[in-house]
Amino acid sequence: MDELTQLIKKEIKRQYRSVRQFSMAIGVPQSTIVTALQKGIGGTSFSTIMTICKVLGIKPVLGEQGMFLDRESRTVLERYMLLDDRGRQTVRALTEVEVLRATNDPLYLELGHHLDSLGERVMAGEKE
């Protein structure tokens, strides 16, 4: 299933709890939404896709590969843009560490206990 269809499914469940409630809220037939979610959103009319995305707060980000951001991701990105160079560098470094952790990278597994210890000290307000 494509990324947009997965994101739409997740947001419908999170925001409306059911496809039925969502379809009633936006005035699109439930059968249209169910079919789009089962077969992939790509076969759905452009105007219906845009309506669904707008209501759910999903916005396209254009680039080599199109991607879509939910509200939470957009908020993170908007807040990142407010940071100065040092703040952006800190976020990038932390993101790299978290990707290593989330993907069970051997490098993180090697360094993990050191990073966990440092994180605990930072959260406790200790200085190095």
Protein backbone atom coordinates (compact mmCIF):
# COMPACT_ATOMS: atom_id res chain seq x y z
CA MET A 1 0.00 0.00 0.00
CA ASP A 2 1.34 3.45 -0.88
CA GLU A 3 2.47 5.98 1.73
CA LEU A 4 -0.43 8.39 1.21
CA THR A 5 -3.06 5.67 1.58
CA GLN A 6 -1.41 4.48 4.80
CA LEU A 7 -1.25 8.02 6.16
CA ILE A 8 -4.92 8.66 5.31
CA LYS A 9 -5.96 5.41 7.02
CA LYS A 10 -3.97 6.32 10.12
CA GLU A 11 -5.40 9.84 10.29
CA ILE A 12 -9.00 8.71 9.75
CA LYS A 13 -8.64 6.21 12.58
CA ARG A 14 -6.93 8.76 14.83
CA GLN A 15 -9.22 11.70 14.17
CA TYR A 16 -12.59 10.09 13.39
CA ARG A 17 -12.36 6.52 14.75
CA SER A 18 -14.18 5.08 11.71
CA VAL A 19 -14.50 5.52 7.95
CA ARG A 20 -18.25 5.91 8.40
CA GLN A 21 -17.88 8.92 10.74
CA PHE A 22 -15.25 10.43 8.46
CA SER A 23 -17.37 10.03 5.32
CA MET A 24 -20.35 11.65 7.03
CA ALA A 25 -18.18 14.55 8.22
CA ILE A 26 -16.79 15.36 4.77
CA GLY A 27 -19.77 14.42 2.58
CA VAL A 28 -17.98 11.80 0.50
CA PRO A 29 -19.73 8.44 0.12
CA GLN A 30 -18.39 5.79 2.47
CA SER A 31 -18.05 3.35 -0.44
CA THR A 32 -15.71 5.79 -2.23
CA ILE A 33 -13.45 6.06 0.81
CA VAL A 34 -13.49 2.31 1.52
CA THR A 35 -12.56 1.53 -2.09
CA ALA A 36 -9.78 4.12 -2.05
CA LEU A 37 -8.34 2.69 1.15
CA GLN A 38 -8.56 -0.91 -0.08
CA LYS A 39 -7.22 -0.39 -3.60
CA GLY A 40 -4.96 2.59 -2.93
CA ILE A 41 -5.78 6.25 -3.14
CA GLY A 42 -4.20 6.52 -6.61
CA GLY A 43 -7.40 5.40 -8.37
CA THR A 44 -9.49 8.09 -6.66
CA SER A 45 -10.36 11.41 -8.31
CA PHE A 46 -7.94 14.25 -7.65
CA SER A 47 -10.63 16.45 -6.11
CA THR A 48 -11.67 13.69 -3.68
CA ILE A 49 -8.04 13.11 -2.67
CA MET A 50 -7.56 16.84 -2.08
CA THR A 51 -10.77 17.05 -0.02
CA ILE A 52 -9.71 14.08 2.12
CA CYS A 53 -6.20 15.46 2.63
CA LYS A 54 -7.43 18.96 3.47
CA VAL A 55 -9.89 17.73 6.09
CA LEU A 56 -7.27 15.45 7.65
CA GLY A 57 -4.59 18.17 7.61
CA ILE A 58 -2.31 16.27 5.22
CA LYS A 59 -0.20 18.44 2.92
CA PRO A 60 1.99 17.31 0.02
CA VAL A 61 5.69 18.12 0.02
CA LEU A 62 7.08 18.13 -3.48
CA GLY A 63 10.52 16.92 -4.37
CA GLU A 64 12.04 14.07 -6.33
CA GLN A 65 9.73 11.73 -4.47
CA GLY A 66 6.45 13.19 -3.33
CA MET A 67 5.67 12.79 0.33
CA PHE A 68 2.89 13.90 2.61
CA LEU A 69 3.07 15.41 6.08
CA ASP A 70 0.47 15.09 8.80
CA ARG A 71 -0.09 17.95 11.27
CA GLU A 72 2.41 16.62 13.81
CA SER A 73 5.18 16.31 11.21
CA ARG A 74 4.45 19.81 9.88
CA THR A 75 4.59 21.22 13.41
CA VAL A 76 7.97 19.59 13.99
CA LEU A 77 9.25 20.98 10.68
CA GLU A 78 7.86 24.47 11.36
CA ARG A 79 9.47 24.51 14.82
CA TYR A 80 12.77 23.28 13.34
CA MET A 81 12.73 26.25 10.94
CA LEU A 82 12.58 28.63 13.94
CA LEU A 83 15.85 27.28 15.38
CA ASP A 84 19.22 28.94 15.00
CA ASP A 85 22.21 27.05 13.53
CA ARG A 86 23.17 25.49 16.86
CA GLY A 87 19.63 24.28 17.49
CA ARG A 88 19.38 22.78 14.00
CA GLN A 89 22.73 21.02 14.45
CA THR A 90 21.50 19.58 17.76
CA VAL A 91 18.26 18.32 16.20
CA ARG A 92 20.14 16.72 13.28
CA ALA A 93 22.56 14.98 15.65
CA LEU A 94 19.75 13.70 17.86
CA THR A 95 17.82 12.53 14.80
CA GLU A 96 20.81 10.52 13.60
CA VAL A 97 21.15 8.84 17.00
CA GLU A 98 17.43 8.03 17.07
CA VAL A 99 17.56 6.52 13.57
CA LEU A 100 20.44 4.30 14.71
CA ARG A 101 18.39 3.25 17.74
CA ALA A 102 15.14 2.67 15.85
CA THR A 103 16.85 0.57 13.17
CA ASN A 104 18.86 -1.47 15.69
CA ASP A 105 22.07 -0.34 14.03
CA PRO A 106 25.10 -2.14 15.52
CA LEU A 107 26.78 1.22 16.11
CA TYR A 108 23.95 2.27 18.42
CA LEU A 109 23.99 -1.08 20.16
CA GLU A 110 27.72 -0.52 20.81
CA LEU A 111 27.27 3.04 22.03
CA GLY A 112 23.74 2.77 23.39
CA HIS A 113 24.53 2.44 27.08
CA HIS A 114 26.82 5.50 26.92
CA LEU A 115 24.14 7.51 25.13
CA ASP A 116 21.43 6.36 27.56
CA SER A 117 23.62 7.38 30.49
CA LEU A 118 24.33 10.78 28.96
CA GLY A 119 20.62 11.28 28.21
CA GLU A 120 19.68 10.48 31.80
CA ARG A 121 22.25 12.98 33.07
CA VAL A 122 21.00 15.68 30.71
CA MET A 123 17.39 15.08 31.75
CA ALA A 124 18.45 15.31 35.41
CA GLY A 125 20.15 18.65 34.69
CA GLU A 126 23.68 17.48 35.43
CA LYS A 127 26.69 19.02 33.76
CA GLU A 128 29.40 16.93 32.12
